[in-house]
C-alpha atoms as a PDB file:
ATOM      1  CA  MET A   1      10.683   9.638  11.461  1.00  0.00           C
ATOM      2  CA  HIS A   2      12.820   7.967   8.850  1.00  0.00           C
ATOM      3  CA  LEU A   3      13.128   5.120   6.383  1.00  0.00           C
ATOM      4  CA  ASN A   4      16.010   3.458   4.590  1.00  0.00           C
ATOM      5  CA  CYS A   5      15.766   3.322   0.810  1.00  0.00           C
ATOM      6  CA  PHE A   6      14.980  -0.241  -0.276  1.00  0.00           C
ATOM      7  CA  GLU A   7      17.481  -0.017  -3.152  1.00  0.00           C
ATOM      8  CA  CYS A   8      20.481   1.963  -1.943  1.00  0.00           C
ATOM      9  CA  GLY A   9      19.962   1.956   1.818  1.00  0.00           C
ATOM     10  CA  ALA A  10      20.133   5.740   2.151  1.00  0.00           C
ATOM     11  CA  ARG A  11      18.434   7.114   5.261  1.00  0.00           C
ATOM     12  CA  VAL A  12      15.635   9.575   4.480  1.00  0.00           C
ATOM     13  CA  GLU A  13      14.165  11.630   7.327  1.00  0.00           C
ATOM     14  CA  GLY A  14      10.971  13.667   7.579  1.00  0.00           C
ATOM     15  CA  ASP A  15       9.127  15.719  10.193  1.00  0.00           C
ATOM     16  CA  ASP A  16       5.805  13.936   9.584  1.00  0.00           C
ATOM     17  CA  LEU A  17       4.253  11.496   7.120  1.00  0.00           C
ATOM     18  CA  ALA A  18       3.710  14.040   4.362  1.00  0.00           C
ATOM     19  CA  ASP A  19       7.206  15.483   4.739  1.00  0.00           C
ATOM     20  CA  LEU A  20       8.747  12.013   4.682  1.00  0.00           C
ATOM     21  CA  GLY A  21       6.829  11.222   1.513  1.00  0.00           C
ATOM     22  CA  ASP A  22       8.057  14.391  -0.182  1.00  0.00           C
ATOM     23  CA  ARG A  23      11.657  13.814   0.884  1.00  0.00           C
ATOM     24  CA  PHE A  24      11.627  10.170  -0.229  1.00  0.00           C
ATOM     25  CA  LEU A  25      10.230  11.257  -3.595  1.00  0.00           C
ATOM     26  CA  ALA A  26      13.037  13.826  -3.926  1.00  0.00           C
ATOM     27  CA  HIS A  27      15.582  11.117  -3.093  1.00  0.00           C
ATOM     28  CA  ALA A  28      14.024   8.759  -5.642  1.00  0.00           C
ATOM     29  CA  ARG A  29      14.128  11.265  -8.456  1.00  0.00           C
ATOM     30  CA  HIS A  30      17.659  12.408  -7.626  1.00  0.00           C
ATOM     31  CA  SER A  31      19.265   9.018  -7.017  1.00  0.00           C
ATOM     32  CA  HIS A  32      17.260   6.469  -8.989  1.00  0.00           C
ATOM     33  CA  GLU A  33      15.494   5.988 -12.309  1.00  0.00           C
ATOM     34  CA  TRP A  34      12.419   4.228 -11.004  1.00  0.00           C
ATOM     35  CA  PRO A  35       9.346   3.961 -13.244  1.00  0.00           C
ATOM     36  CA  TYR A  36       6.992   4.432 -10.302  1.00  0.00           C
ATOM     37  CA  PRO A  37       4.633   7.470 -10.305  1.00  0.00           C
ATOM     38  CA  ASP A  38       5.193  10.270  -7.829  1.00  0.00           C
ATOM     39  CA  GLN A  39       2.190   9.598  -5.616  1.00  0.00           C
ATOM     40  CA  GLY A  40       2.963   5.896  -5.578  1.00  0.00           C
ATOM     41  CA  ILE A  41       6.387   6.684  -4.127  1.00  0.00           C
ATOM     42  CA  ARG A  42       4.871   8.978  -1.501  1.00  0.00           C
ATOM     43  CA  ASN A  43       2.293   6.340  -0.582  1.00  0.00           C
ATOM     44  CA  TYR A  44       5.040   3.756  -0.149  1.00  0.00           C
ATOM     45  CA  ALA A  45       7.113   6.011   2.115  1.00  0.00           C
ATOM     46  CA  GLU A  46       4.181   6.870   4.359  1.00  0.00           C
ATOM     47  CA  ALA A  47       3.093   3.216   4.553  1.00  0.00           C
ATOM     48  CA  THR A  48       6.467   2.213   6.000  1.00  0.00           C
ATOM     49  CA  GLN A  49       5.560   4.282   9.067  1.00  0.00           C
ATOM     50  CA  ARG A  50       1.881   3.306   9.308  1.00  0.00           C
ATOM     51  CA  LEU A  51       2.387  -0.459   9.205  1.00  0.00           C
ATOM     52  CA  THR A  52       3.150  -1.062  12.856  1.00  0.00           C
ATOM     53  CA  GLY A  53       1.434  -4.425  13.375  1.00  0.00           C
ATOM     54  CA  PRO A  54       3.280  -7.679  14.079  1.00  0.00           C
ATOM     55  CA  SER A  55       4.752  -9.716  11.226  1.00  0.00           C
ATOM     56  CA  ASP A  56       5.617 -13.101  12.750  1.00  0.00           C
ATOM     57  CA  ARG A  57       3.152 -15.878  11.994  1.00  0.00           C
ATOM     58  CA  LEU A  58       1.464 -17.384  15.034  1.00  0.00           C
ATOM     59  CA  SER A  59       1.769 -21.141  15.432  1.00  0.00           C
ATOM     60  CA  ALA A  60      -1.795 -21.483  16.721  1.00  0.00           C
ATOM     61  CA  LEU A  61      -4.910 -19.303  16.921  1.00  0.00           C
ATOM     62  CA  GLY A  62      -7.840 -18.953  19.206  1.00  0.00           C
ATOM     63  CA  GLU A  63     -11.295 -19.546  17.743  1.00  0.00           C
ATOM     64  CA  PRO A  64     -11.996 -16.801  15.176  1.00  0.00           C
ATOM     65  CA  THR A  65     -15.225 -14.835  15.067  1.00  0.00           C
ATOM     66  CA  ILE A  66     -16.615 -13.278  11.886  1.00  0.00           C
ATOM     67  CA  HIS A  67     -18.585 -10.010  11.804  1.00  0.00           C
ATOM     68  CA  PRO A  68     -19.987  -7.878   8.981  1.00  0.00           C
ATOM     69  CA  VAL A  69     -18.437  -4.434   8.812  1.00  0.00           C
ATOM     70  CA  THR A  70     -21.281  -2.276  10.035  1.00  0.00           C
ATOM     71  CA  GLU A  71     -21.046   1.294  11.285  1.00  0.00           C
ATOM     72  CA  ASP A  72     -19.864   0.222  14.726  1.00  0.00           C
ATOM     73  CA  ARG A  73     -16.916  -1.706  13.230  1.00  0.00           C
ATOM     74  CA  LEU A  74     -15.581   0.946  10.862  1.00  0.00           C
ATOM     75  CA  ASP A  75     -12.862   1.977  13.323  1.00  0.00           C
ATOM     76  CA  ASP A  76     -11.685  -1.635  13.513  1.00  0.00           C
ATOM     77  CA  TRP A  77     -11.699  -1.874   9.721  1.00  0.00           C
ATOM     78  CA  ALA A  78      -9.677   1.327   9.332  1.00  0.00           C
ATOM     79  CA  ALA A  79      -7.161   0.306  11.996  1.00  0.00           C
ATOM     80  CA  PHE A  80      -6.710  -3.083  10.314  1.00  0.00           C
ATOM     81  CA  PHE A  81      -5.823  -1.440   7.002  1.00  0.00           C
ATOM     82  CA  ASP A  82      -3.832   1.393   8.584  1.00  0.00           C
ATOM     83  CA  HIS A  83      -1.523  -0.814  10.639  1.00  0.00           C
ATOM     84  CA  ASP A  84      -1.856  -4.579  10.090  1.00  0.00           C
ATOM     85  CA  ALA A  85      -3.131  -5.745   6.723  1.00  0.00           C
ATOM     86  CA  PHE A  86      -0.043  -5.054   4.628  1.00  0.00           C
ATOM     87  CA  VAL A  87       2.812  -5.425   7.085  1.00  0.00           C
ATOM     88  CA  GLY A  88       5.830  -6.360   4.999  1.00  0.00           C
ATOM     89  CA  LYS A  89       4.188  -5.048   1.808  1.00  0.00           C
ATOM     90  CA  PRO A  90       4.063  -1.245   2.039  1.00  0.00           C
ATOM     91  CA  GLU A  91       3.760  -1.040  -1.748  1.00  0.00           C
ATOM     92  CA  TRP A  92       0.223  -2.468  -1.445  1.00  0.00           C
ATOM     93  CA  ALA A  93      -0.933  -0.458   1.540  1.00  0.00           C
ATOM     94  CA  ALA A  94      -2.614   2.435  -0.299  1.00  0.00           C
ATOM     95  CA  CYS A  95      -5.396   0.321  -1.818  1.00  0.00           C
ATOM     96  CA  TYR A  96      -7.828  -0.012   1.122  1.00  0.00           C
ATOM     97  CA  CYS A  97      -9.716  -2.484  -1.115  1.00  0.00           C
ATOM     98  CA  LEU A  98     -11.168   0.384  -3.152  1.00  0.00           C
ATOM     99  CA  GLU A  99      -9.680  -0.764  -6.458  1.00  0.00           C
ATOM    100  CA  PRO A 100     -12.333  -3.353  -7.440  1.00  0.00           C
ATOM    101  CA  HIS A 101     -14.990  -0.658  -7.038  1.00  0.00           C
ATOM    102  CA  VAL A 102     -13.396   2.090  -9.123  1.00  0.00           C
ATOM    103  CA  ALA A 103     -10.782   0.620 -11.465  1.00  0.00           C
ATOM    104  CA  VAL A 104     -11.258  -0.902 -14.893  1.00  0.00           C
ATOM    105  CA  PRO A 105      -8.752  -3.476 -16.216  1.00  0.00           C
ATOM    106  CA  GLU A 106      -7.403  -1.383 -19.087  1.00  0.00           C
ATOM    107  CA  THR A 107      -6.524   1.561 -16.814  1.00  0.00           C
ATOM    108  CA  LEU A 108      -4.945  -0.261 -13.860  1.00  0.00           C
ATOM    109  CA  ASP A 109      -1.382   0.711 -14.791  1.00  0.00           C
ATOM    110  CA  GLU A 110      -2.058   4.202 -16.101  1.00  0.00           C
ATOM    111  CA  GLY A 111      -1.396   7.504 -14.369  1.00  0.00           C
ATOM    112  CA  ASP A 112      -0.607   8.477 -10.802  1.00  0.00           C
ATOM    113  CA  PRO A 113      -2.519   6.631  -8.053  1.00  0.00           C
ATOM    114  CA  PRO A 114      -4.532   8.637  -5.518  1.00  0.00           C
ATOM    115  CA  PRO A 115      -3.096   9.438  -2.092  1.00  0.00           C
ATOM    116  CA  TRP A 116      -3.782   6.641   0.378  1.00  0.00           C
ATOM    117  CA  ARG A 117      -5.906   8.957   2.515  1.00  0.00           C
ATOM    118  CA  HIS A 118      -8.261   9.458  -0.430  1.00  0.00           C
ATOM    119  CA  ASN A 119      -8.730   5.713  -0.843  1.00  0.00           C
ATOM    120  CA  ARG A 120      -9.209   5.275   2.899  1.00  0.00           C
ATOM    121  CA  GLU A 121     -11.960   7.880   3.164  1.00  0.00           C
ATOM    122  CA  ALA A 122     -13.619   6.812  -0.087  1.00  0.00           C
ATOM    123  CA  MET A 123     -13.859   3.197   1.046  1.00  0.00           C
ATOM    124  CA  LEU A 124     -15.116   4.152   4.504  1.00  0.00           C
ATOM    125  CA  GLN A 125     -17.862   6.177   2.824  1.00  0.00           C
ATOM    126  CA  ARG A 126     -18.770   3.267   0.570  1.00  0.00           C
ATOM    127  CA  LEU A 127     -19.088   1.005   3.601  1.00  0.00           C
ATOM    128  CA  ARG A 128     -21.285   3.572   5.363  1.00  0.00           C
ATOM    129  CA  ASP A 129     -23.511   3.984   2.298  1.00  0.00           C
ATOM    130  CA  GLY A 130     -23.811   0.262   1.554  1.00  0.00           C
ATOM    131  CA  ASP A 131     -21.937   0.540  -1.754  1.00  0.00           C
ATOM    132  CA  SER A 132     -19.376  -1.924  -0.417  1.00  0.00           C
ATOM    133  CA  PHE A 133     -19.813  -4.806   1.997  1.00  0.00           C
ATOM    134  CA  GLY A 134     -17.494  -7.217   3.724  1.00  0.00           C
ATOM    135  CA  TYR A 135     -16.537  -9.073   6.868  1.00  0.00           C
ATOM    136  CA  LEU A 136     -13.751  -8.884   9.420  1.00  0.00           C
ATOM    137  CA  ALA A 137     -12.361 -11.985  11.082  1.00  0.00           C
ATOM    138  CA  TYR A 138     -11.294 -11.420  14.685  1.00  0.00           C
ATOM    139  CA  VAL A 139      -8.845 -13.495  16.698  1.00  0.00           C
ATOM    140  CA  ASP A 140      -8.635 -12.816  20.434  1.00  0.00           C
ATOM    141  CA  GLY A 141     -10.515  -9.580  19.894  1.00  0.00           C
ATOM    142  CA  ARG A 142      -8.154  -8.237  17.205  1.00  0.00           C
ATOM    143  CA  ALA A 143      -9.112  -7.786  13.549  1.00  0.00           C
ATOM    144  CA  ALA A 144      -7.059 -10.367  11.651  1.00  0.00           C
ATOM    145  CA  GLY A 145      -8.603 -10.690   8.193  1.00  0.00           C
ATOM    146  CA  TRP A 146     -11.035  -9.119   5.719  1.00  0.00           C
ATOM    147  CA  VAL A 147     -13.064 -10.228   2.726  1.00  0.00           C
ATOM    148  CA  ASN A 148     -14.713  -7.851   0.283  1.00  0.00           C
ATOM    149  CA  ALA A 149     -18.059  -9.489  -0.491  1.00  0.00           C
ATOM    150  CA  SER A 150     -19.918  -6.672  -2.219  1.00  0.00           C
ATOM    151  CA  LEU A 151     -22.600  -7.158  -4.820  1.00  0.00           C
ATOM    152  CA  ARG A 152     -21.150  -7.583  -8.282  1.00  0.00           C
ATOM    153  CA  SER A 153     -23.147  -4.531  -9.388  1.00  0.00           C
ATOM    154  CA  ASP A 154     -21.015  -2.443  -7.002  1.00  0.00           C
ATOM    155  CA  TYR A 155     -17.755  -3.455  -8.715  1.00  0.00           C
ATOM    156  CA  THR A 156     -16.185  -2.190 -11.910  1.00  0.00           C
ATOM    157  CA  LEU A 157     -13.505  -4.901 -12.198  1.00  0.00           C
ATOM    158  CA  HIS A 158     -16.118  -7.685 -12.329  1.00  0.00           C
ATOM    159  CA  PRO A 159     -19.117  -6.260 -14.173  1.00  0.00           C
ATOM    160  CA  GLY A 160     -20.314  -9.546 -15.729  1.00  0.00           C
ATOM    161  CA  GLU A 161     -21.724 -10.158 -19.182  1.00  0.00           C
ATOM    162  CA  ASP A 162     -25.269  -9.963 -20.558  1.00  0.00           C
ATOM    163  CA  GLU A 163     -25.998 -13.652 -20.066  1.00  0.00           C
ATOM    164  CA  ASP A 164     -25.016 -13.635 -16.397  1.00  0.00           C
ATOM    165  CA  PRO A 165     -27.462 -13.307 -13.504  1.00  0.00           C
ATOM    166  CA  PRO A 166     -28.044  -9.620 -12.688  1.00  0.00           C
ATOM    167  CA  GLY A 167     -25.187  -8.139 -10.693  1.00  0.00           C
ATOM    168  CA  SER A 168     -27.593  -7.009  -7.977  1.00  0.00           C
ATOM    169  CA  GLN A 169     -28.303 -10.696  -7.257  1.00  0.00           C
ATOM    170  CA  VAL A 170     -24.687 -11.878  -7.188  1.00  0.00           C
ATOM    171  CA  VAL A 171     -22.239 -11.511  -4.291  1.00  0.00           C
ATOM    172  CA  GLY A 172     -18.739 -11.156  -5.710  1.00  0.00           C
ATOM    173  CA  ILE A 173     -15.624 -12.163  -3.763  1.00  0.00           C
ATOM    174  CA  SER A 174     -13.036  -9.642  -4.916  1.00  0.00           C
ATOM    175  CA  CYS A 175     -10.383  -9.800  -2.202  1.00  0.00           C
ATOM    176  CA  PHE A 176      -9.160 -11.559   0.937  1.00  0.00           C
ATOM    177  CA  ILE A 177      -6.596  -9.869   3.164  1.00  0.00           C
ATOM    178  CA  ILE A 178      -5.166 -11.756   6.119  1.00  0.00           C
ATOM    179  CA  ALA A 179      -2.611 -10.048   8.385  1.00  0.00           C
ATOM    180  CA  PRO A 180       0.768 -11.873   8.527  1.00  0.00           C
ATOM    181  CA  PRO A 181       0.434 -13.462  12.011  1.00  0.00           C
ATOM    182  CA  TYR A 182      -2.826 -15.175  11.038  1.00  0.00           C
ATOM    183  CA  ARG A 183      -2.039 -16.611   7.613  1.00  0.00           C
ATOM    184  CA  ARG A 184      -2.354 -20.305   6.764  1.00  0.00           C
ATOM    185  CA  HIS A 185      -4.778 -20.933   9.630  1.00  0.00           C
ATOM    186  CA  GLY A 186      -7.984 -21.146   7.564  1.00  0.00           C
ATOM    187  CA  LEU A 187      -9.257 -17.603   8.098  1.00  0.00           C
ATOM    188  CA  ALA A 188      -9.991 -17.052   4.402  1.00  0.00           C
ATOM    189  CA  ALA A 189     -12.072 -20.244   4.361  1.00  0.00           C
ATOM    190  CA  ALA A 190     -13.938 -19.130   7.495  1.00  0.00           C
ATOM    191  CA  LEU A 191     -14.683 -15.767   5.887  1.00  0.00           C
ATOM    192  CA  LEU A 192     -15.895 -17.431   2.694  1.00  0.00           C
ATOM    193  CA  ASP A 193     -18.170 -19.767   4.657  1.00  0.00           C
ATOM    194  CA  ARG A 194     -19.774 -16.752   6.345  1.00  0.00           C
ATOM    195  CA  VAL A 195     -20.289 -15.052   2.968  1.00  0.00           C
ATOM    196  CA  LEU A 196     -22.053 -18.181   1.691  1.00  0.00           C
ATOM    197  CA  ALA A 197     -24.180 -18.501   4.814  1.00  0.00           C
ATOM    198  CA  ASP A 198     -25.410 -14.891   4.627  1.00  0.00           C
ATOM    199  CA  ALA A 199     -25.793 -14.432   0.861  1.00  0.00           C
ATOM    200  CA  SER A 200     -29.456 -15.384   0.549  1.00  0.00           C
ATOM    201  CA  GLU A 201     -30.410 -13.094   3.458  1.00  0.00           C
ATOM    202  CA  ARG A 202     -28.771 -10.278   1.505  1.00  0.00           C
ATOM    203  CA  GLY A 203     -31.081 -10.968  -1.437  1.00  0.00           C
ATOM    204  CA  ALA A 204     -28.497 -12.782  -3.558  1.00  0.00           C
ATOM    205  CA  GLY A 205     -29.057 -16.011  -5.431  1.00  0.00           C
ATOM    206  CA  TRP A 206     -25.420 -16.642  -6.304  1.00  0.00           C
ATOM    207  CA  VAL A 207     -21.907 -16.113  -4.983  1.00  0.00           C
ATOM    208  CA  GLU A 208     -19.147 -15.528  -7.505  1.00  0.00           C
ATOM    209  CA  ALA A 209     -15.354 -15.676  -7.206  1.00  0.00           C
ATOM    210  CA  TYR A 210     -12.431 -14.767  -9.441  1.00  0.00           C
ATOM    211  CA  PRO A 211      -9.352 -16.867  -8.584  1.00  0.00           C
ATOM    212  CA  PHE A 212      -6.293 -16.151 -10.662  1.00  0.00           C
ATOM    213  CA  THR A 213      -5.385 -18.618 -13.367  1.00  0.00           C
ATOM    214  CA  GLY A 214      -2.031 -20.371 -13.200  1.00  0.00           C
ATOM    215  CA  ASP A 215       0.574 -20.149 -10.436  1.00  0.00           C
ATOM    216  CA  THR A 216      -1.030 -19.211  -7.131  1.00  0.00           C
ATOM    217  CA  GLU A 217       1.985 -19.401  -4.855  1.00  0.00           C
ATOM    218  CA  GLY A 218       2.402 -16.472  -2.500  1.00  0.00           C
ATOM    219  CA  ASP A 219       0.247 -13.613  -1.313  1.00  0.00           C
ATOM    220  CA  ALA A 220       0.503 -11.628  -4.549  1.00  0.00           C
ATOM    221  CA  SER A 221      -1.427 -14.226  -6.544  1.00  0.00           C
ATOM    222  CA  SER A 222      -3.813 -15.599  -3.928  1.00  0.00           C
ATOM    223  CA  PHE A 223      -5.614 -12.534  -2.601  1.00  0.00           C
ATOM    224  CA  ARG A 224      -8.716 -13.467  -4.605  1.00  0.00           C
ATOM    225  CA  GLY A 225      -8.770 -16.871  -2.945  1.00  0.00           C
ATOM    226  CA  LEU A 226      -7.297 -20.159  -4.048  1.00  0.00           C
ATOM    227  CA  ARG A 227      -9.155 -22.157  -6.705  1.00  0.00           C
ATOM    228  CA  GLN A 228      -9.139 -25.234  -4.451  1.00  0.00           C
ATOM    229  CA  MET A 229     -11.088 -23.400  -1.747  1.00  0.00           C
ATOM    230  CA  TYR A 230     -13.883 -22.676  -4.217  1.00  0.00           C
ATOM    231  CA  ASP A 231     -13.812 -26.170  -5.732  1.00  0.00           C
ATOM    232  CA  GLU A 232     -14.294 -27.685  -2.285  1.00  0.00           C
ATOM    233  CA  ARG A 233     -17.428 -25.578  -1.734  1.00  0.00           C
ATOM    234  CA  GLY A 234     -19.168 -26.435  -4.963  1.00  0.00           C
ATOM    235  CA  PHE A 235     -18.279 -23.442  -7.096  1.00  0.00           C
ATOM    236  CA  GLU A 236     -18.331 -24.186 -10.831  1.00  0.00           C
ATOM    237  CA  PRO A 237     -16.198 -22.431 -13.466  1.00  0.00           C
ATOM    238  CA  VAL A 238     -18.395 -20.430 -15.832  1.00  0.00           C
ATOM    239  CA  ARG A 239     -15.837 -18.387 -17.754  1.00  0.00           C
ATOM    240  CA  THR A 240     -12.064 -18.310 -18.229  1.00  0.00           C
ATOM    241  CA  ARG A 241     -10.610 -14.856 -18.798  1.00  0.00           C
ATOM    242  CA  ALA A 242      -7.093 -13.649 -19.476  1.00  0.00           C
ATOM    243  CA  ARG A 243      -5.989 -13.585 -15.822  1.00  0.00           C
ATOM    244  CA  ASP A 244      -8.679 -15.356 -13.845  1.00  0.00           C
ATOM    245  CA  THR A 245     -11.564 -17.803 -13.847  1.00  0.00           C
ATOM    246  CA  VAL A 246     -15.111 -16.756 -12.997  1.00  0.00           C
ATOM    247  CA  MET A 247     -16.558 -19.353 -10.597  1.00  0.00           C
ATOM    248  CA  ARG A 248     -20.107 -19.372  -9.289  1.00  0.00           C
ATOM    249  CA  ARG A 249     -22.475 -21.319  -7.068  1.00  0.00           C
ATOM    250  CA  ALA A 250     -26.111 -20.887  -6.143  1.00  0.00           C
ATOM    251  CA  VAL A 251     -27.043 -20.252  -2.518  1.00  0.00           C
END
């Protein structure tokens, strides 16, 4: 297997994923002065080989179906993140949506990130144990989108303040991921509607969202959901923070 360096175009070859990661790291340190941590560079190299899903946007979709990620759908969830979710963005592909559960804002840019396999297995275990919860959107039988709709008490990035409702009674929308062929067809809205419909059955009295403040053009700034989508569904802003707005509605 091989990849071409995104900066200089050099071809880097490896016998397997781990070997390719090591060789791309050696190339990076020899030929470039990148600020990226070692494991981040390895994760990027390996993601270029894992992301095998299609990238062209479909002009029309069949009717989507939405399902909670229960034990019988973990293989679909893993395959979605392994191959489809971050096509075109290998630099994001190591997350596996674990970050909102384990990171804190002041440490996001510190140190070396974990290997992607660690994040993958850790998130799968959280889903098995009920420490994370979300939904997959399917189109023509293929997983096309995901929303992390865990309880706020299961996040570290969105812990809430003392005056808020208890985190165990609030569903928090931390992330939408839609694979490239299915974007701009309303899948995020369909996922959000399912979260709202199910929230009370999960014992929650509120659903909370955290859209970024300011420019929301492009995937990098809209993965928490666009402010307009929440406005249209009756969410009210309750707090403005440095990077985002906390929005909430009762269910």
